[in-house]
Amino acid sequence: MAEMNNTNSTGQAMMRVVVSILVLIVLTALLFFVAPESFYPWAKAIHILAVISWMAGMLYLPRLFVYHVDAEKGSVQSETFKVMERRLLRGIINPAMIVTWVFGLWLAWKVFGFQGGWLHAKIGLVLLMSAVHGYLAGAVRKFAEDRNEKPARHWRIVNEIPTLLMIAIVILVVVKPF
């Protein structure tokens, strides 16, 4: 019974995420076509919000893994971590990454014409961040199947990678050193 409620709750949460993303897409498209002169600041704001959401998830997920490693396989605690990890990945991290990329590429094209060494370096670092995202998504699958073989120390180290990438990306965007 509890598992059925959990599955239903997960389905409802996913439906809310999908509806929210669809509403964002419709409102964004409407703004783009109705008031294109006002689109840039909105695109920038949406991009920043998506980056913040993506980073929050990327910083939290490895921390969940650190605690999940210590939970006994099949325990209530382990199953709870599996739900938390799956919801975080599917409900926040994945959509935030997609929105970050879509609006980031639009801004890079519209504002900078994909010109500037700093922009190329930033895009390269965002590609690395996306690779880390893929690695974490694979880890969510392994934890869900009780196949994680990495110790907590590994996940503590992995937890630092998004932070270092974020620092470098922000410096590139703000300072534009080259």
Protein backbone atom coordinates (compact mmCIF):
# COMPACT_ATOMS: atom_id res chain seq x y z
CA MET A 1 0.00 0.00 0.00
CA ALA A 2 2.78 2.43 0.93
CA GLU A 3 4.60 1.62 -2.30
CA MET A 4 1.43 2.29 -4.31
CA ASN A 5 1.03 5.69 -2.61
CA ASN A 6 4.69 6.46 -3.25
CA THR A 7 4.36 5.55 -6.94
CA ASN A 8 1.20 7.66 -7.23
CA SER A 9 2.92 10.55 -5.46
CA THR A 10 5.91 10.27 -7.79
CA GLY A 11 3.61 10.26 -10.81
CA GLN A 12 1.82 13.35 -9.56
CA ALA A 13 5.12 15.12 -8.91
CA MET A 14 6.36 14.28 -12.40
CA MET A 15 3.09 15.51 -13.89
CA ARG A 16 3.51 18.83 -12.06
CA VAL A 17 7.04 19.15 -13.43
CA VAL A 18 5.88 18.43 -16.99
CA VAL A 19 3.00 20.92 -16.70
CA SER A 20 5.33 23.57 -15.27
CA ILE A 21 7.81 23.12 -18.11
CA LEU A 22 5.03 23.29 -20.69
CA VAL A 23 3.68 26.49 -19.12
CA LEU A 24 7.21 27.96 -19.20
CA ILE A 25 7.59 27.02 -22.88
CA VAL A 26 4.20 28.50 -23.84
CA LEU A 27 4.76 31.75 -21.92
CA THR A 28 8.28 32.08 -23.31
CA ALA A 29 7.11 31.50 -26.88
CA LEU A 30 4.29 33.98 -26.38
CA LEU A 31 6.70 36.61 -25.09
CA PHE A 32 9.12 35.90 -27.95
CA PHE A 33 6.47 36.42 -30.62
CA VAL A 34 4.35 39.14 -28.97
CA ALA A 35 7.10 41.38 -27.55
CA PRO A 36 10.47 40.36 -29.03
CA GLU A 37 12.08 43.60 -27.79
CA SER A 38 11.34 42.50 -24.21
CA PHE A 39 12.54 38.94 -24.68
CA TYR A 40 16.26 39.41 -23.92
CA PRO A 41 15.98 40.34 -20.21
CA TRP A 42 13.42 37.56 -19.69
CA ALA A 43 15.64 35.03 -21.45
CA LYS A 44 18.57 36.11 -19.29
CA ALA A 45 16.48 35.84 -16.11
CA ILE A 46 15.15 32.40 -17.06
CA HIS A 47 18.68 31.26 -17.91
CA ILE A 48 20.01 32.42 -14.53
CA LEU A 49 17.13 30.77 -12.64
CA ALA A 50 17.69 27.52 -14.54
CA VAL A 51 21.43 27.61 -13.78
CA ILE A 52 20.72 28.14 -10.08
CA SER A 53 18.28 25.21 -10.07
CA TRP A 54 20.69 22.98 -12.00
CA MET A 55 23.55 23.81 -9.67
CA ALA A 56 21.46 23.27 -6.54
CA GLY A 57 20.63 19.79 -7.75
CA MET A 58 24.18 19.05 -8.90
CA LEU A 59 25.50 20.02 -5.47
CA TYR A 60 22.84 18.09 -3.54
CA LEU A 61 22.72 14.80 -5.46
CA PRO A 62 26.28 13.63 -4.66
CA ARG A 63 25.65 14.54 -1.02
CA LEU A 64 22.64 12.20 -1.08
CA PHE A 65 24.94 9.50 -2.46
CA VAL A 66 27.35 10.02 0.46
CA TYR A 67 24.53 9.16 2.87
CA HIS A 68 23.00 6.48 0.65
CA VAL A 69 26.27 4.51 0.63
CA ASP A 70 25.89 3.96 4.39
CA ALA A 71 22.27 2.77 4.16
CA GLU A 72 21.76 -0.98 4.14
CA LYS A 73 20.52 -2.27 0.78
CA GLY A 74 16.79 -2.90 0.84
CA SER A 75 16.29 -0.87 4.02
CA VAL A 76 13.59 1.78 4.32
CA GLN A 77 16.35 4.39 4.43
CA SER A 78 17.90 3.10 1.19
CA GLU A 79 14.54 3.05 -0.57
CA THR A 80 13.85 6.60 0.62
CA PHE A 81 17.18 7.76 -0.81
CA LYS A 82 16.30 6.11 -4.13
CA VAL A 83 13.05 8.09 -4.33
CA MET A 84 14.78 11.33 -3.35
CA GLU A 85 17.55 10.83 -5.91
CA ARG A 86 15.17 9.94 -8.73
CA ARG A 87 12.87 12.90 -8.01
CA LEU A 88 15.78 15.31 -7.74
CA LEU A 89 17.24 14.13 -11.04
CA ARG A 90 14.02 13.92 -13.05
CA GLY A 91 12.10 16.76 -11.44
CA ILE A 92 14.78 19.41 -11.00
CA ILE A 93 18.21 18.63 -12.43
CA ASN A 94 17.21 17.34 -15.89
CA PRO A 95 14.65 20.08 -16.67
CA ALA A 96 16.96 22.77 -15.30
CA MET A 97 19.84 21.57 -17.47
CA ILE A 98 17.65 21.58 -20.58
CA VAL A 99 16.36 25.11 -19.90
CA THR A 100 19.92 26.27 -19.12
CA TRP A 101 21.20 24.95 -22.45
CA VAL A 102 18.29 26.26 -24.53
CA PHE A 103 18.40 29.79 -23.16
CA GLY A 104 22.18 29.83 -22.86
CA LEU A 105 22.65 28.92 -26.51
CA TRP A 106 20.05 31.49 -27.55
CA LEU A 107 21.86 34.18 -25.54
CA ALA A 108 25.26 33.12 -26.92
CA TRP A 109 23.89 33.41 -30.45
CA LYS A 110 21.72 36.52 -30.10
CA VAL A 111 23.95 38.62 -27.86
CA PHE A 112 27.46 37.43 -28.66
CA GLY A 113 27.14 35.73 -32.06
CA PHE A 114 29.08 32.84 -30.55
CA GLN A 115 32.15 35.13 -30.55
CA GLY A 116 34.72 35.47 -27.79
CA GLY A 117 37.32 33.18 -26.31
CA TRP A 118 35.71 33.46 -22.88
CA LEU A 119 32.38 32.26 -24.37
CA HIS A 120 34.02 29.25 -26.03
CA ALA A 121 35.74 28.39 -22.75
CA LYS A 122 32.45 28.79 -20.89
CA ILE A 123 30.63 26.51 -23.31
CA GLY A 124 33.44 23.97 -22.91
CA LEU A 125 33.05 24.06 -19.12
CA VAL A 126 29.27 23.75 -19.42
CA LEU A 127 29.87 20.66 -21.58
CA LEU A 128 32.02 19.28 -18.75
CA MET A 129 29.23 20.11 -16.28
CA SER A 130 26.84 18.21 -18.54
CA ALA A 131 29.23 15.24 -18.53
CA VAL A 132 29.23 15.30 -14.71
CA HIS A 133 25.43 15.46 -14.90
CA GLY A 134 25.47 12.32 -17.07
CA TYR A 135 27.79 10.58 -14.62
CA LEU A 136 25.45 11.43 -11.73
CA ALA A 137 22.42 10.23 -13.73
CA GLY A 138 24.18 6.91 -14.27
CA ALA A 139 24.89 6.74 -10.54
CA VAL A 140 21.20 7.28 -9.77
CA ARG A 141 20.44 4.22 -11.93
CA LYS A 142 23.13 2.17 -10.17
CA PHE A 143 21.89 3.14 -6.72
CA ALA A 144 18.30 2.34 -7.80
CA GLU A 145 19.48 -1.16 -8.78
CA ASP A 146 21.61 -1.51 -5.62
CA ARG A 147 24.73 -1.71 -7.80
CA ASN A 148 26.76 1.23 -6.46
CA GLU A 149 30.34 0.18 -5.79
CA LYS A 150 31.80 3.60 -4.98
CA PRO A 151 32.61 4.53 -1.37
CA ALA A 152 31.34 7.68 0.34
CA ARG A 153 34.78 9.28 -0.13
CA HIS A 154 34.37 9.05 -3.91
CA TRP A 155 31.04 10.87 -3.74
CA ARG A 156 32.51 13.54 -1.45
CA ILE A 157 35.17 14.23 -4.07
CA VAL A 158 32.63 14.18 -6.93
CA ASN A 159 30.55 16.66 -4.93
CA GLU A 160 33.34 19.24 -5.36
CA ILE A 161 33.52 19.03 -9.18
CA PRO A 162 30.33 21.05 -9.90
CA THR A 163 31.51 23.70 -7.43
CA LEU A 164 34.86 24.11 -9.18
CA LEU A 165 33.22 24.22 -12.61
CA MET A 166 30.66 26.75 -11.39
CA ILE A 167 33.39 29.04 -10.03
CA ALA A 168 35.29 28.95 -13.32
CA ILE A 169 32.11 29.54 -15.36
CA VAL A 170 31.02 32.52 -13.27
CA ILE A 171 34.48 34.08 -13.49
CA LEU A 172 34.46 33.67 -17.28
CA VAL A 173 31.00 35.26 -17.58
CA VAL A 174 31.65 38.19 -15.28
CA VAL A 175 35.31 38.97 -15.98
CA LYS A 176 35.47 37.89 -19.64
CA PRO A 177 39.27 37.55 -19.40
CA PHE A 178 39.82 36.80 -23.10
